[in-house]
PDB file of N, CA and C in Angstrom:
ATOM      1  N   MET A   1     -73.976  42.896 -41.782  1.00  0.00           N
ATOM      2  CA  MET A   1     -72.745  43.163 -40.754  1.00  0.00           C
ATOM      3  C   MET A   1     -71.860  44.014 -42.541  1.00  0.00           C
ATOM      4  N   CYS A   2     -72.170  44.046 -43.103  1.00  0.00           N
ATOM      5  CA  CYS A   2     -70.566  45.103 -43.958  1.00  0.00           C
ATOM      6  C   CYS A   2     -70.168  45.913 -43.121  1.00  0.00           C
ATOM      7  N   GLY A   3     -68.651  45.850 -42.613  1.00  0.00           N
ATOM      8  CA  GLY A   3     -67.971  47.003 -41.852  1.00  0.00           C
ATOM      9  C   GLY A   3     -67.565  47.920 -43.190  1.00  0.00           C
ATOM     10  N   PHE A   4     -67.308  47.844 -44.423  1.00  0.00           N
ATOM     11  CA  PHE A   4     -67.019  48.576 -45.991  1.00  0.00           C
ATOM     12  C   PHE A   4     -68.357  47.922 -46.261  1.00  0.00           C
ATOM     13  N   TYR A   5     -68.499  49.596 -47.414  1.00  0.00           N
ATOM     14  CA  TYR A   5     -69.364  49.033 -48.264  1.00  0.00           C
ATOM     15  C   TYR A   5     -68.985  50.086 -49.766  1.00  0.00           C
ATOM     16  N   ALA A   6     -69.063  49.764 -50.620  1.00  0.00           N
ATOM     17  CA  ALA A   6     -68.169  50.699 -51.450  1.00  0.00           C
ATOM     18  C   ALA A   6     -69.240  51.606 -51.472  1.00  0.00           C
ATOM     19  N   TYR A   7     -68.702  53.380 -51.445  1.00  0.00           N
ATOM     20  CA  TYR A   7     -69.543  54.272 -51.244  1.00  0.00           C
ATOM     21  C   TYR A   7     -69.689  54.754 -52.400  1.00  0.00           C
ATOM     22  N   GLU A   8     -69.731  55.738 -52.722  1.00  0.00           N
ATOM     23  CA  GLU A   8     -69.171  56.456 -54.702  1.00  0.00           C
ATOM     24  C   GLU A   8     -67.935  57.192 -53.773  1.00  0.00           C
ATOM     25  N   ASP A   9     -67.606  57.679 -53.321  1.00  0.00           N
ATOM     26  CA  ASP A   9     -67.159  58.743 -52.545  1.00  0.00           C
ATOM     27  C   ASP A   9     -65.764  57.544 -52.161  1.00  0.00           C
ATOM     28  N   GLY A  10     -65.730  56.483 -52.626  1.00  0.00           N
ATOM     29  CA  GLY A  10     -64.671  55.267 -52.070  1.00  0.00           C
ATOM     30  C   GLY A  10     -64.220  55.286 -50.270  1.00  0.00           C
ATOM     31  N   ASN A  11     -65.651  55.720 -49.779  1.00  0.00           N
ATOM     32  CA  ASN A  11     -65.351  55.626 -47.982  1.00  0.00           C
ATOM     33  C   ASN A  11     -64.471  56.666 -48.152  1.00  0.00           C
ATOM     34  N   LYS A  12     -64.142  57.466 -47.984  1.00  0.00           N
ATOM     35  CA  LYS A  12     -62.873  58.922 -47.561  1.00  0.00           C
ATOM     36  C   LYS A  12     -63.370  59.198 -47.540  1.00  0.00           C
ATOM     37  N   TYR A  13     -63.923  59.291 -46.143  1.00  0.00           N
ATOM     38  CA  TYR A  13     -64.953  59.747 -45.175  1.00  0.00           C
ATOM     39  C   TYR A  13     -65.325  59.179 -43.245  1.00  0.00           C
ATOM     40  N   ARG A  14     -65.263  57.579 -43.976  1.00  0.00           N
ATOM     41  CA  ARG A  14     -65.095  56.902 -43.799  1.00  0.00           C
ATOM     42  C   ARG A  14     -64.477  55.545 -42.866  1.00  0.00           C
ATOM     43  N   PRO A  15     -63.132  56.188 -42.530  1.00  0.00           N
ATOM     44  CA  PRO A  15     -62.582  55.489 -42.740  1.00  0.00           C
ATOM     45  C   PRO A  15     -62.463  53.603 -42.032  1.00  0.00           C
ATOM     46  N   LEU A  16     -62.299  52.732 -42.087  1.00  0.00           N
ATOM     47  CA  LEU A  16     -62.308  51.490 -41.364  1.00  0.00           C
ATOM     48  C   LEU A  16     -61.052  51.399 -39.998  1.00  0.00           C
ATOM     49  N   ILE A  17     -61.546  51.628 -38.546  1.00  0.00           N
ATOM     50  CA  ILE A  17     -60.401  51.098 -37.519  1.00  0.00           C
ATOM     51  C   ILE A  17     -60.648  50.672 -36.974  1.00  0.00           C
ATOM     52  N   PRO A  18     -59.648  49.396 -37.195  1.00  0.00           N
ATOM     53  CA  PRO A  18     -59.367  47.824 -36.891  1.00  0.00           C
ATOM     54  C   PRO A  18     -59.942  48.445 -35.856  1.00  0.00           C
ATOM     55  N   PRO A  19     -60.107  47.271 -34.601  1.00  0.00           N
ATOM     56  CA  PRO A  19     -60.000  46.397 -33.469  1.00  0.00           C
ATOM     57  C   PRO A  19     -58.173  45.994 -32.985  1.00  0.00           C
ATOM     58  N   SER A  20     -57.803  46.945 -31.769  1.00  0.00           N
ATOM     59  CA  SER A  20     -56.155  46.661 -31.429  1.00  0.00           C
ATOM     60  C   SER A  20     -56.668  45.422 -31.194  1.00  0.00           C
ATOM     61  N   PRO A  21     -55.153  44.195 -31.691  1.00  0.00           N
ATOM     62  CA  PRO A  21     -54.991  42.802 -31.923  1.00  0.00           C
ATOM     63  C   PRO A  21     -55.307  43.045 -30.152  1.00  0.00           C
ATOM     64  N   ALA A  22     -55.535  43.754 -28.707  1.00  0.00           N
ATOM     65  CA  ALA A  22     -55.615  43.377 -27.812  1.00  0.00           C
ATOM     66  C   ALA A  22     -56.714  43.162 -27.248  1.00  0.00           C
ATOM     67  N   LEU A  23     -57.774  44.453 -27.581  1.00  0.00           N
ATOM     68  CA  LEU A  23     -59.560  43.737 -28.360  1.00  0.00           C
ATOM     69  C   LEU A  23     -59.228  42.214 -28.505  1.00  0.00           C
ATOM     70  N   ALA A  24     -59.370  42.595 -29.481  1.00  0.00           N
ATOM     71  CA  ALA A  24     -59.960  41.379 -30.146  1.00  0.00           C
ATOM     72  C   ALA A  24     -59.554  39.000 -29.458  1.00  0.00           C
ATOM     73  N   ALA A  25     -58.493  40.150 -28.585  1.00  0.00           N
ATOM     74  CA  ALA A  25     -57.891  38.554 -28.028  1.00  0.00           C
ATOM     75  C   ALA A  25     -58.379  38.471 -26.403  1.00  0.00           C
ATOM     76  N   ARG A  26     -58.212  40.144 -26.510  1.00  0.00           N
ATOM     77  CA  ARG A  26     -60.026  39.407 -24.882  1.00  0.00           C
ATOM     78  C   ARG A  26     -60.239  39.836 -24.787  1.00  0.00           C
ATOM     79  N   THR A  27     -61.355  39.725 -25.995  1.00  0.00           N
ATOM     80  CA  THR A  27     -62.975  39.487 -26.063  1.00  0.00           C
ATOM     81  C   THR A  27     -63.515  38.732 -26.690  1.00  0.00           C
ATOM     82  N   ARG A  28     -62.187  37.535 -27.856  1.00  0.00           N
ATOM     83  CA  ARG A  28     -62.409  36.506 -27.440  1.00  0.00           C
ATOM     84  C   ARG A  28     -62.574  35.246 -26.134  1.00  0.00           C
ATOM     85  N   LEU A  29     -61.659  35.930 -25.743  1.00  0.00           N
ATOM     86  CA  LEU A  29     -61.354  35.516 -23.886  1.00  0.00           C
ATOM     87  C   LEU A  29     -62.206  35.777 -23.360  1.00  0.00           C
ATOM     88  N   VAL A  30     -62.760  37.334 -23.708  1.00  0.00           N
ATOM     89  CA  VAL A  30     -63.682  35.895 -21.693  1.00  0.00           C
ATOM     90  C   VAL A  30     -65.234  35.483 -22.103  1.00  0.00           C
ATOM     91  N   GLU A  31     -65.822  35.872 -23.731  1.00  0.00           N
ATOM     92  CA  GLU A  31     -66.195  35.165 -24.894  1.00  0.00           C
ATOM     93  C   GLU A  31     -66.715  33.913 -24.274  1.00  0.00           C
ATOM     94  N   ALA A  32     -64.956  33.114 -24.695  1.00  0.00           N
ATOM     95  CA  ALA A  32     -64.556  31.579 -24.426  1.00  0.00           C
ATOM     96  C   ALA A  32     -64.997  31.201 -22.764  1.00  0.00           C
ATOM     97  N   GLY A  33     -64.741  32.302 -22.063  1.00  0.00           N
ATOM     98  CA  GLY A  33     -65.311  32.191 -20.202  1.00  0.00           C
ATOM     99  C   GLY A  33     -66.597  31.906 -19.706  1.00  0.00           C
ATOM    100  N   MET A  34     -67.435  33.080 -21.197  1.00  0.00           N
ATOM    101  CA  MET A  34     -68.707  33.401 -20.849  1.00  0.00           C
ATOM    102  C   MET A  34     -70.111  31.163 -20.650  1.00  0.00           C
ATOM    103  N   THR A  35     -70.608  31.186 -20.286  1.00  0.00           N
ATOM    104  CA  THR A  35     -71.573  29.434 -20.473  1.00  0.00           C
ATOM    105  C   THR A  35     -72.651  29.903 -21.360  1.00  0.00           C
ATOM    106  N   GLY A  36     -73.020  28.991 -21.853  1.00  0.00           N
ATOM    107  CA  GLY A  36     -73.578  28.140 -23.290  1.00  0.00           C
ATOM    108  C   GLY A  36     -72.374  28.092 -24.655  1.00  0.00           C
ATOM    109  N   ASP A  37     -73.147  27.660 -25.511  1.00  0.00           N
ATOM    110  CA  ASP A  37     -72.474  27.360 -26.369  1.00  0.00           C
ATOM    111  C   ASP A  37     -72.056  28.656 -27.102  1.00  0.00           C
ATOM    112  N   PRO A  38     -70.632  27.916 -27.640  1.00  0.00           N
ATOM    113  CA  PRO A  38     -68.973  29.095 -28.853  1.00  0.00           C
ATOM    114  C   PRO A  38     -70.197  29.706 -29.360  1.00  0.00           C
ATOM    115  N   VAL A  39     -68.899  30.924 -29.706  1.00  0.00           N
ATOM    116  CA  VAL A  39     -70.177  31.663 -31.142  1.00  0.00           C
ATOM    117  C   VAL A  39     -68.383  30.580 -32.191  1.00  0.00           C
ATOM    118  N   PRO A  40     -69.061  30.493 -33.879  1.00  0.00           N
ATOM    119  CA  PRO A  40     -68.407  29.918 -34.224  1.00  0.00           C
ATOM    120  C   PRO A  40     -67.318  30.696 -34.666  1.00  0.00           C
ATOM    121  N   GLU A  41     -66.004  30.023 -34.598  1.00  0.00           N
ATOM    122  CA  GLU A  41     -65.143  30.793 -35.241  1.00  0.00           C
ATOM    123  C   GLU A  41     -65.406  32.139 -37.227  1.00  0.00           C
ATOM    124  N   ALA A  42     -66.676  31.077 -37.804  1.00  0.00           N
ATOM    125  CA  ALA A  42     -66.666  31.890 -38.982  1.00  0.00           C
ATOM    126  C   ALA A  42     -67.418  34.058 -38.799  1.00  0.00           C
ATOM    127  N   ALA A  43     -67.857  33.725 -36.865  1.00  0.00           N
ATOM    128  CA  ALA A  43     -68.511  34.776 -37.174  1.00  0.00           C
ATOM    129  C   ALA A  43     -67.449  35.368 -36.590  1.00  0.00           C
ATOM    130  N   TRP A  44     -66.510  35.131 -35.772  1.00  0.00           N
ATOM    131  CA  TRP A  44     -65.624  36.854 -35.596  1.00  0.00           C
ATOM    132  C   TRP A  44     -64.891  36.344 -36.500  1.00  0.00           C
ATOM    133  N   ASP A  45     -64.993  37.253 -37.862  1.00  0.00           N
ATOM    134  CA  ASP A  45     -63.862  37.566 -38.867  1.00  0.00           C
ATOM    135  C   ASP A  45     -65.283  38.839 -39.599  1.00  0.00           C
ATOM    136  N   THR A  46     -66.893  37.411 -39.545  1.00  0.00           N
ATOM    137  CA  THR A  46     -68.107  38.980 -39.359  1.00  0.00           C
ATOM    138  C   THR A  46     -67.684  40.341 -38.458  1.00  0.00           C
ATOM    139  N   PHE A  47     -68.113  40.072 -37.495  1.00  0.00           N
ATOM    140  CA  PHE A  47     -68.163  40.796 -36.031  1.00  0.00           C
ATOM    141  C   PHE A  47     -66.712  41.802 -36.186  1.00  0.00           C
ATOM    142  N   PHE A  48     -65.559  40.942 -36.020  1.00  0.00           N
ATOM    143  CA  PHE A  48     -64.200  42.577 -36.204  1.00  0.00           C
ATOM    144  C   PHE A  48     -63.764  42.758 -37.664  1.00  0.00           C
ATOM    145  N   LYS A  49     -63.938  42.566 -38.598  1.00  0.00           N
ATOM    146  CA  LYS A  49     -62.844  42.988 -40.016  1.00  0.00           C
ATOM    147  C   LYS A  49     -63.894  43.243 -41.164  1.00  0.00           C
ATOM    148  N   PRO A  50     -63.747  43.966 -41.686  1.00  0.00           N
ATOM    149  CA  PRO A  50     -64.492  44.212 -43.289  1.00  0.00           C
ATOM    150  C   PRO A  50     -65.328  43.282 -44.131  1.00  0.00           C
ATOM    151  N   THR A  51     -65.549  42.858 -43.237  1.00  0.00           N
ATOM    152  CA  THR A  51     -66.097  41.303 -43.132  1.00  0.00           C
ATOM    153  C   THR A  51     -68.081  41.654 -43.944  1.00  0.00           C
ATOM    154  N   CYS A  52     -68.985  41.366 -45.261  1.00  0.00           N
ATOM    155  CA  CYS A  52     -69.495  40.998 -45.148  1.00  0.00           C
ATOM    156  C   CYS A  52     -70.871  39.701 -44.602  1.00  0.00           C
ATOM    157  N   GLY A  53     -71.810  39.027 -43.640  1.00  0.00           N
ATOM    158  CA  GLY A  53     -71.732  38.387 -43.747  1.00  0.00           C
ATOM    159  C   GLY A  53     -73.280  38.348 -42.744  1.00  0.00           C
ATOM    160  N   ALA A  54     -73.704  37.407 -41.651  1.00  0.00           N
ATOM    161  CA  ALA A  54     -74.913  37.193 -41.570  1.00  0.00           C
ATOM    162  C   ALA A  54     -73.901  36.959 -40.291  1.00  0.00           C
ATOM    163  N   ILE A  55     -74.694  37.188 -39.213  1.00  0.00           N
ATOM    164  CA  ILE A  55     -73.664  36.379 -37.772  1.00  0.00           C
ATOM    165  C   ILE A  55     -75.794  36.698 -36.608  1.00  0.00           C
ATOM    166  N   PRO A  56     -75.923  35.536 -36.437  1.00  0.00           N
ATOM    167  CA  PRO A  56     -77.437  34.972 -35.161  1.00  0.00           C
ATOM    168  C   PRO A  56     -77.292  35.652 -34.558  1.00  0.00           C
ATOM    169  N   MET A  57     -78.436  36.297 -34.040  1.00  0.00           N
ATOM    170  CA  MET A  57     -78.942  37.680 -33.084  1.00  0.00           C
ATOM    171  C   MET A  57     -77.687  37.226 -32.128  1.00  0.00           C
ATOM    172  N   ASP A  58     -78.318  35.607 -31.940  1.00  0.00           N
ATOM    173  CA  ASP A  58     -77.743  34.821 -30.306  1.00  0.00           C
ATOM    174  C   ASP A  58     -76.287  34.824 -30.327  1.00  0.00           C
ATOM    175  N   HIS A  59     -75.566  34.837 -31.345  1.00  0.00           N
ATOM    176  CA  HIS A  59     -73.821  34.837 -31.380  1.00  0.00           C
ATOM    177  C   HIS A  59     -74.215  36.222 -30.982  1.00  0.00           C
ATOM    178  N   PHE A  60     -74.268  37.566 -32.043  1.00  0.00           N
ATOM    179  CA  PHE A  60     -73.902  38.849 -32.029  1.00  0.00           C
ATOM    180  C   PHE A  60     -73.531  39.155 -30.572  1.00  0.00           C
ATOM    181  N   GLN A  61     -74.749  39.227 -29.983  1.00  0.00           N
ATOM    182  CA  GLN A  61     -75.559  39.524 -28.719  1.00  0.00           C
ATOM    183  C   GLN A  61     -73.973  39.123 -27.000  1.00  0.00           C
ATOM    184  N   ARG A  62     -73.827  38.003 -27.825  1.00  0.00           N
ATOM    185  CA  ARG A  62     -72.701  37.713 -26.490  1.00  0.00           C
ATOM    186  C   ARG A  62     -72.589  37.414 -27.070  1.00  0.00           C
ATOM    187  N   MET A  63     -70.900  37.664 -28.170  1.00  0.00           N
ATOM    188  CA  MET A  63     -69.250  38.898 -29.091  1.00  0.00           C
ATOM    189  C   MET A  63     -70.279  39.846 -28.301  1.00  0.00           C
ATOM    190  N   PHE A  64     -70.677  40.803 -28.678  1.00  0.00           N
ATOM    191  CA  PHE A  64     -70.911  41.870 -28.628  1.00  0.00           C
ATOM    192  C   PHE A  64     -70.637  42.775 -26.757  1.00  0.00           C
ATOM    193  N   GLN A  65     -71.132  41.571 -25.143  1.00  0.00           N
ATOM    194  CA  GLN A  65     -71.092  41.619 -24.639  1.00  0.00           C
ATOM    195  C   GLN A  65     -69.468  40.884 -24.011  1.00  0.00           C
ATOM    196  N   ALA A  66     -69.060  40.328 -24.686  1.00  0.00           N
ATOM    197  CA  ALA A  66     -67.643  40.214 -24.229  1.00  0.00           C
ATOM    198  C   ALA A  66     -66.722  40.984 -24.859  1.00  0.00           C
ATOM    199  N   ARG A  67     -66.790  41.897 -26.191  1.00  0.00           N
ATOM    200  CA  ARG A  67     -66.613  42.945 -26.768  1.00  0.00           C
ATOM    201  C   ARG A  67     -66.558  44.490 -25.092  1.00  0.00           C
ATOM    202  N   ARG A  68     -67.934  43.854 -24.251  1.00  0.00           N
ATOM    203  CA  ARG A  68     -68.136  45.385 -23.378  1.00  0.00           C
ATOM    204  C   ARG A  68     -67.396  44.772 -22.833  1.00  0.00           C
ATOM    205  N   LEU A  69     -67.346  44.011 -22.380  1.00  0.00           N
ATOM    206  CA  LEU A  69     -66.401  43.188 -20.370  1.00  0.00           C
ATOM    207  C   LEU A  69     -64.500  43.303 -20.903  1.00  0.00           C
ATOM    208  N   ALA A  70     -64.453  42.819 -22.554  1.00  0.00           N
ATOM    209  CA  ALA A  70     -63.607  43.300 -22.519  1.00  0.00           C
ATOM    210  C   ALA A  70     -63.190  44.895 -23.030  1.00  0.00           C
ATOM    211  N   VAL A  71     -63.272  45.492 -23.202  1.00  0.00           N
ATOM    212  CA  VAL A  71     -63.645  47.250 -23.515  1.00  0.00           C
ATOM    213  C   VAL A  71     -62.726  47.451 -21.570  1.00  0.00           C
ATOM    214  N   ALA A  72     -64.113  47.406 -21.126  1.00  0.00           N
ATOM    215  CA  ALA A  72     -64.356  47.866 -19.888  1.00  0.00           C
ATOM    216  C   ALA A  72     -62.642  47.728 -18.521  1.00  0.00           C
ATOM    217  N   TYR A  73     -62.371  45.798 -19.324  1.00  0.00           N
ATOM    218  CA  TYR A  73     -61.102  45.040 -18.522  1.00  0.00           C
ATOM    219  C   TYR A  73     -60.174  46.447 -19.375  1.00  0.00           C
ATOM    220  N   LEU A  74     -59.991  46.206 -20.256  1.00  0.00           N
ATOM    221  CA  LEU A  74     -58.410  47.041 -21.127  1.00  0.00           C
ATOM    222  C   LEU A  74     -58.686  47.887 -20.188  1.00  0.00           C
ATOM    223  N   ALA A  75     -59.929  49.316 -19.869  1.00  0.00           N
ATOM    224  CA  ALA A  75     -59.743  50.047 -19.832  1.00  0.00           C
ATOM    225  C   ALA A  75     -58.829  50.721 -18.663  1.00  0.00           C
ATOM    226  N   VAL A  76     -59.306  49.539 -17.803  1.00  0.00           N
ATOM    227  CA  VAL A  76     -58.787  49.783 -16.321  1.00  0.00           C
ATOM    228  C   VAL A  76     -57.033  49.658 -16.398  1.00  0.00           C
ATOM    229  N   GLN A  77     -57.404  48.683 -16.662  1.00  0.00           N
ATOM    230  CA  GLN A  77     -55.532  47.952 -17.519  1.00  0.00           C
ATOM    231  C   GLN A  77     -54.144  49.011 -17.340  1.00  0.00           C
ATOM    232  N   ALA A  78     -54.915  50.162 -17.679  1.00  0.00           N
ATOM    233  CA  ALA A  78     -53.919  51.103 -18.867  1.00  0.00           C
ATOM    234  C   ALA A  78     -53.789  51.902 -17.731  1.00  0.00           C
ATOM    235  N   PRO A  79     -52.322  52.792 -17.625  1.00  0.00           N
ATOM    236  CA  PRO A  79     -51.466  53.190 -16.771  1.00  0.00           C
ATOM    237  C   PRO A  79     -52.799  54.539 -16.732  1.00  0.00           C
ATOM    238  N   VAL A  80     -52.237  54.370 -14.342  1.00  0.00           N
ATOM    239  CA  VAL A  80     -53.842  55.955 -14.390  1.00  0.00           C
ATOM    240  C   VAL A  80     -53.442  57.156 -14.453  1.00  0.00           C
ATOM    241  N   ARG A  81     -51.720  57.250 -14.019  1.00  0.00           N
ATOM    242  CA  ARG A  81     -51.796  58.786 -14.832  1.00  0.00           C
ATOM    243  C   ARG A  81     -50.617  59.064 -15.531  1.00  0.00           C
ATOM    244  N   ARG A  82     -50.439  59.646 -15.901  1.00  0.00           N
ATOM    245  CA  ARG A  82     -49.376  60.011 -17.079  1.00  0.00           C
ATOM    246  C   ARG A  82     -48.162  59.811 -15.896  1.00  0.00           C
ATOM    247  N   PRO A  83     -46.588  59.494 -16.651  1.00  0.00           N
ATOM    248  CA  PRO A  83     -45.703  59.481 -15.855  1.00  0.00           C
ATOM    249  C   PRO A  83     -44.828  61.322 -15.776  1.00  0.00           C
ATOM    250  N   GLN A  84     -44.885  61.462 -15.290  1.00  0.00           N
ATOM    251  CA  GLN A  84     -44.281  62.412 -14.834  1.00  0.00           C
ATOM    252  C   GLN A  84     -43.548  63.426 -15.764  1.00  0.00           C
ATOM    253  N   ARG A  85     -42.914  64.721 -16.636  1.00  0.00           N
ATOM    254  CA  ARG A  85     -41.562  65.052 -16.492  1.00  0.00           C
ATOM    255  C   ARG A  85     -41.471  65.507 -15.411  1.00  0.00           C
ATOM    256  N   HIS A  86     -39.318  65.754 -15.692  1.00  0.00           N
ATOM    257  CA  HIS A  86     -39.348  66.488 -14.743  1.00  0.00           C
ATOM    258  C   HIS A  86     -38.678  67.722 -14.606  1.00  0.00           C
ATOM    259  N   ALA A  87     -38.663  68.457 -14.412  1.00  0.00           N
ATOM    260  CA  ALA A  87     -39.061  69.536 -14.812  1.00  0.00           C
ATOM    261  C   ALA A  87     -37.884  70.175 -15.043  1.00  0.00           C
ATOM    262  N   SER A  88     -37.265  71.240 -15.619  1.00  0.00           N
ATOM    263  CA  SER A  88     -37.091  71.837 -17.224  1.00  0.00           C
ATOM    264  C   SER A  88     -35.971  72.901 -16.274  1.00  0.00           C
ATOM    265  N   SER A  89     -34.655  72.713 -16.697  1.00  0.00           N
ATOM    266  CA  SER A  89     -33.093  73.696 -15.866  1.00  0.00           C
ATOM    267  C   SER A  89     -32.502  74.222 -17.115  1.00  0.00           C
ATOM    268  N   PHE A  90     -32.206  74.698 -17.151  1.00  0.00           N
ATOM    269  CA  PHE A  90     -30.851  75.905 -17.772  1.00  0.00           C
ATOM    270  C   PHE A  90     -29.557  75.442 -17.055  1.00  0.00           C
ATOM    271  N   ARG A  91     -29.233  74.528 -17.462  1.00  0.00           N
ATOM    272  CA  ARG A  91     -27.195  74.672 -17.263  1.00  0.00           C
ATOM    273  C   ARG A  91     -26.509  75.140 -18.282  1.00  0.00           C
ATOM    274  N   CYS A  92     -25.400  75.732 -18.414  1.00  0.00           N
ATOM    275  CA  CYS A  92     -24.668  75.968 -19.044  1.00  0.00           C
ATOM    276  C   CYS A  92     -23.290  75.347 -19.043  1.00  0.00           C
ATOM    277  N   ALA A  93     -23.417  75.473 -20.373  1.00  0.00           N
ATOM    278  CA  ALA A  93     -22.067  73.769 -20.791  1.00  0.00           C
ATOM    279  C   ALA A  93     -20.956  75.020 -20.392  1.00  0.00           C
ATOM    280  N   GLU A  94     -19.722  74.149 -20.394  1.00  0.00           N
ATOM    281  CA  GLU A  94     -18.387  74.358 -20.241  1.00  0.00           C
ATOM    282  C   GLU A  94     -17.783  75.668 -21.971  1.00  0.00           C
ATOM    283  N   GLY A  95     -17.373  76.519 -21.665  1.00  0.00           N
ATOM    284  CA  GLY A  95     -17.149  77.213 -23.115  1.00  0.00           C
ATOM    285  C   GLY A  95     -18.226  78.186 -24.173  1.00  0.00           C
ATOM    286  N   ASP A  96     -18.956  78.510 -22.843  1.00  0.00           N
ATOM    287  CA  ASP A  96     -20.765  78.976 -23.373  1.00  0.00           C
ATOM    288  C   ASP A  96     -20.365  79.918 -23.547  1.00  0.00           C
ATOM    289  N   GLU A  97     -20.498  80.734 -24.765  1.00  0.00           N
ATOM    290  CA  GLU A  97     -20.445  82.853 -25.115  1.00  0.00           C
ATOM    291  C   GLU A  97     -21.185  83.097 -23.562  1.00  0.00           C
ATOM    292  N   VAL A  98     -22.097  82.440 -23.797  1.00  0.00           N
ATOM    293  CA  VAL A  98     -23.710  83.428 -23.079  1.00  0.00           C
ATOM    294  C   VAL A  98     -23.202  83.607 -21.441  1.00  0.00           C
ATOM    295  N   SER A  99     -22.591  82.277 -20.911  1.00  0.00           N
ATOM    296  CA  SER A  99     -22.719  82.041 -19.156  1.00  0.00           C
ATOM    297  C   SER A  99     -20.846  82.603 -19.206  1.00  0.00           C
ATOM    298  N   ALA A 100     -19.969  83.049 -20.615  1.00  0.00           N
ATOM    299  CA  ALA A 100     -18.776  83.761 -20.222  1.00  0.00           C
ATOM    300  C   ALA A 100     -19.167  85.283 -19.629  1.00  0.00           C
ATOM    301  N   GLY A 101     -19.764  85.854 -20.436  1.00  0.00           N
ATOM    302  CA  GLY A 101     -19.705  87.399 -20.043  1.00  0.00           C
ATOM    303  C   GLY A 101     -20.329  87.206 -18.196  1.00  0.00           C
ATOM    304  N   LEU A 102     -20.945  86.369 -18.234  1.00  0.00           N
ATOM    305  CA  LEU A 102     -21.757  86.738 -16.708  1.00  0.00           C
ATOM    306  C   LEU A 102     -20.843  85.877 -15.593  1.00  0.00           C
TER     307      LEU A 102
END
């Protein structure tokens, strides 16, 4: 599980985009609430950071499922609609040369 590999081009075209702190925190919170043995701390570094290491398949599946649930939760928590902008309007300022000619 290497998130970073020293490619010949220096990873110029493969930039690492780390997960947001909110996603990492929510994933760990979801995983803590799951039944079964918790994932070891060292596995989280391998899962979320560009660290090379092995993760046992059962731990990886558990973390992956927790991440899927965390992504879904955060997507639902996002604002449903964007804030509406006020309609633009033009107002003449006092002493404006254009308004004086009207």
